[in-house]
Amino acid sequence: MQFHWNHCSALHTAAVNGNLEEVQRLVEAGVALDSGDSLGRTALWFAGKSGHKLIIRFFLENGSCVNISDCEGVRPTDIAVREGHWGAVMTFWNMIQK
């Protein structure tokens, strides 16, 4: 996958790479879940784009907001659909319904 890295944090990088252990470590250390890069993309947005279901679940279980859009109005769920990550879409759906 190719991304344009615009002031991405370590949390964004761990999310896009599917590194759940690093995501957990960073969150436990107090990194803000919903901080965005310069284009407004959150770590949850990157997890949705990459289709990382376990990371999506972790973020949502820990209070990440699913409705934060990037600068083009694209939410994490939207990007998961756009990329065809249907397992990730179902994870969003199941977690939102709780």
C-alpha atoms as a PDB file:
ATOM      1  CA  MET A   1       0.000   0.000   0.000  1.00  0.00           C
ATOM      2  CA  GLN A   2       1.178   3.469  -0.742  1.00  0.00           C
ATOM      3  CA  PHE A   3       0.367   6.290   1.611  1.00  0.00           C
ATOM      4  CA  HIS A   4       1.213   9.924   1.616  1.00  0.00           C
ATOM      5  CA  TRP A   5       2.738  10.469   5.051  1.00  0.00           C
ATOM      6  CA  ASN A   6       1.741  13.917   6.221  1.00  0.00           C
ATOM      7  CA  HIS A   7       2.880  14.325   9.806  1.00  0.00           C
ATOM      8  CA  CYS A   8       1.841  10.819  10.792  1.00  0.00           C
ATOM      9  CA  SER A   9       2.492   9.750  14.357  1.00  0.00           C
ATOM     10  CA  ALA A  10       3.923   6.492  15.630  1.00  0.00           C
ATOM     11  CA  LEU A  11       0.337   5.402  16.324  1.00  0.00           C
ATOM     12  CA  HIS A  12      -0.672   6.016  12.703  1.00  0.00           C
ATOM     13  CA  THR A  13       2.336   4.035  11.510  1.00  0.00           C
ATOM     14  CA  ALA A  14       1.634   1.116  13.858  1.00  0.00           C
ATOM     15  CA  ALA A  15      -2.027   1.074  12.756  1.00  0.00           C
ATOM     16  CA  VAL A  16      -1.277   1.044   9.032  1.00  0.00           C
ATOM     17  CA  ASN A  17       1.339  -1.679   9.518  1.00  0.00           C
ATOM     18  CA  GLY A  18      -1.003  -3.842  11.587  1.00  0.00           C
ATOM     19  CA  ASN A  19       1.265  -3.807  14.634  1.00  0.00           C
ATOM     20  CA  LEU A  20      -1.261  -4.397  17.412  1.00  0.00           C
ATOM     21  CA  GLU A  21       1.401  -4.777  20.101  1.00  0.00           C
ATOM     22  CA  GLU A  22       2.853  -1.352  19.284  1.00  0.00           C
ATOM     23  CA  VAL A  23      -0.628   0.190  19.093  1.00  0.00           C
ATOM     24  CA  GLN A  24      -1.408  -1.172  22.564  1.00  0.00           C
ATOM     25  CA  ARG A  25       1.915   0.061  23.953  1.00  0.00           C
ATOM     26  CA  LEU A  26       1.398   3.557  22.573  1.00  0.00           C
ATOM     27  CA  VAL A  27      -2.175   3.812  23.859  1.00  0.00           C
ATOM     28  CA  GLU A  28      -1.101   2.578  27.306  1.00  0.00           C
ATOM     29  CA  ALA A  29       1.597   5.274  27.241  1.00  0.00           C
ATOM     30  CA  GLY A  30      -1.106   7.906  26.763  1.00  0.00           C
ATOM     31  CA  VAL A  31      -0.959   8.662  23.034  1.00  0.00           C
ATOM     32  CA  ALA A  32      -4.210  10.322  21.917  1.00  0.00           C
ATOM     33  CA  LEU A  33      -6.361   7.893  19.936  1.00  0.00           C
ATOM     34  CA  ASP A  34      -8.065  10.395  17.677  1.00  0.00           C
ATOM     35  CA  SER A  35      -5.269  12.751  16.732  1.00  0.00           C
ATOM     36  CA  GLY A  36      -5.086  13.305  13.001  1.00  0.00           C
ATOM     37  CA  ASP A  37      -2.256  13.823  10.566  1.00  0.00           C
ATOM     38  CA  SER A  38      -2.101  16.996   8.479  1.00  0.00           C
ATOM     39  CA  LEU A  39      -4.957  15.650   6.336  1.00  0.00           C
ATOM     40  CA  GLY A  40      -7.130  14.777   9.329  1.00  0.00           C
ATOM     41  CA  ARG A  41      -6.618  11.009   9.042  1.00  0.00           C
ATOM     42  CA  THR A  42      -6.703   9.253  12.417  1.00  0.00           C
ATOM     43  CA  ALA A  43      -5.048   5.970  13.346  1.00  0.00           C
ATOM     44  CA  LEU A  44      -8.500   4.349  13.069  1.00  0.00           C
ATOM     45  CA  TRP A  45      -8.758   5.747   9.532  1.00  0.00           C
ATOM     46  CA  PHE A  46      -5.418   4.102   8.672  1.00  0.00           C
ATOM     47  CA  ALA A  47      -6.523   0.807  10.236  1.00  0.00           C
ATOM     48  CA  GLY A  48      -9.688   0.955   8.115  1.00  0.00           C
ATOM     49  CA  LYS A  49      -7.708   1.701   4.965  1.00  0.00           C
ATOM     50  CA  SER A  50      -5.419  -1.230   5.668  1.00  0.00           C
ATOM     51  CA  GLY A  51      -8.178  -3.602   6.774  1.00  0.00           C
ATOM     52  CA  HIS A  52      -6.664  -4.459  10.157  1.00  0.00           C
ATOM     53  CA  LYS A  53      -9.672  -5.869  12.019  1.00  0.00           C
ATOM     54  CA  LEU A  54      -7.971  -6.463  15.371  1.00  0.00           C
ATOM     55  CA  ILE A  55      -6.641  -2.926  15.460  1.00  0.00           C
ATOM     56  CA  ILE A  56     -10.036  -1.506  14.505  1.00  0.00           C
ATOM     57  CA  ARG A  57     -11.603  -3.514  17.335  1.00  0.00           C
ATOM     58  CA  PHE A  58      -8.933  -2.329  19.788  1.00  0.00           C
ATOM     59  CA  PHE A  59      -9.421   1.337  18.865  1.00  0.00           C
ATOM     60  CA  LEU A  60     -13.202   1.149  19.145  1.00  0.00           C
ATOM     61  CA  GLU A  61     -13.053  -0.757  22.442  1.00  0.00           C
ATOM     62  CA  ASN A  62     -10.802   2.007  23.767  1.00  0.00           C
ATOM     63  CA  GLY A  63     -13.044   4.900  22.756  1.00  0.00           C
ATOM     64  CA  SER A  64     -11.800   5.955  19.347  1.00  0.00           C
ATOM     65  CA  CYS A  65     -14.391   7.976  17.427  1.00  0.00           C
ATOM     66  CA  VAL A  66     -15.607   6.311  14.246  1.00  0.00           C
ATOM     67  CA  ASN A  67     -17.107   9.524  12.831  1.00  0.00           C
ATOM     68  CA  ILE A  68     -13.986  11.646  12.438  1.00  0.00           C
ATOM     69  CA  SER A  69     -13.521  12.487   8.760  1.00  0.00           C
ATOM     70  CA  ASP A  70     -10.349  13.395   6.940  1.00  0.00           C
ATOM     71  CA  CYS A  71     -10.030  16.659   4.992  1.00  0.00           C
ATOM     72  CA  GLU A  72     -12.064  15.161   2.132  1.00  0.00           C
ATOM     73  CA  GLY A  73     -14.909  13.999   4.369  1.00  0.00           C
ATOM     74  CA  VAL A  74     -13.848  10.339   4.353  1.00  0.00           C
ATOM     75  CA  ARG A  75     -14.486   8.454   7.603  1.00  0.00           C
ATOM     76  CA  PRO A  76     -12.706   5.243   8.673  1.00  0.00           C
ATOM     77  CA  THR A  77     -15.712   3.164   7.648  1.00  0.00           C
ATOM     78  CA  ASP A  78     -15.842   4.873   4.251  1.00  0.00           C
ATOM     79  CA  ILE A  79     -12.208   4.113   3.470  1.00  0.00           C
ATOM     80  CA  ALA A  80     -12.620   0.465   4.509  1.00  0.00           C
ATOM     81  CA  VAL A  81     -15.532   0.162   2.053  1.00  0.00           C
ATOM     82  CA  ARG A  82     -13.628   2.010  -0.675  1.00  0.00           C
ATOM     83  CA  GLU A  83     -10.655  -0.353  -0.284  1.00  0.00           C
ATOM     84  CA  GLY A  84     -12.881  -3.444  -0.274  1.00  0.00           C
ATOM     85  CA  HIS A  85     -11.910  -4.612   3.216  1.00  0.00           C
ATOM     86  CA  TRP A  86     -15.231  -6.311   3.936  1.00  0.00           C
ATOM     87  CA  GLY A  87     -13.968  -8.048   7.086  1.00  0.00           C
ATOM     88  CA  ALA A  88     -12.963  -4.649   8.446  1.00  0.00           C
ATOM     89  CA  VAL A  89     -16.342  -3.203   7.444  1.00  0.00           C
ATOM     90  CA  MET A  90     -18.071  -5.985   9.373  1.00  0.00           C
ATOM     91  CA  THR A  91     -15.827  -5.306  12.369  1.00  0.00           C
ATOM     92  CA  PHE A  92     -16.875  -1.649  12.296  1.00  0.00           C
ATOM     93  CA  TRP A  93     -20.511  -2.655  11.957  1.00  0.00           C
ATOM     94  CA  ASN A  94     -20.407  -5.180  14.796  1.00  0.00           C
ATOM     95  CA  MET A  95     -18.548  -2.828  17.138  1.00  0.00           C
ATOM     96  CA  ILE A  96     -20.816   0.133  16.393  1.00  0.00           C
ATOM     97  CA  GLN A  97     -23.911  -1.969  17.076  1.00  0.00           C
ATOM     98  CA  LYS A  98     -22.774  -2.804  20.639  1.00  0.00           C
END
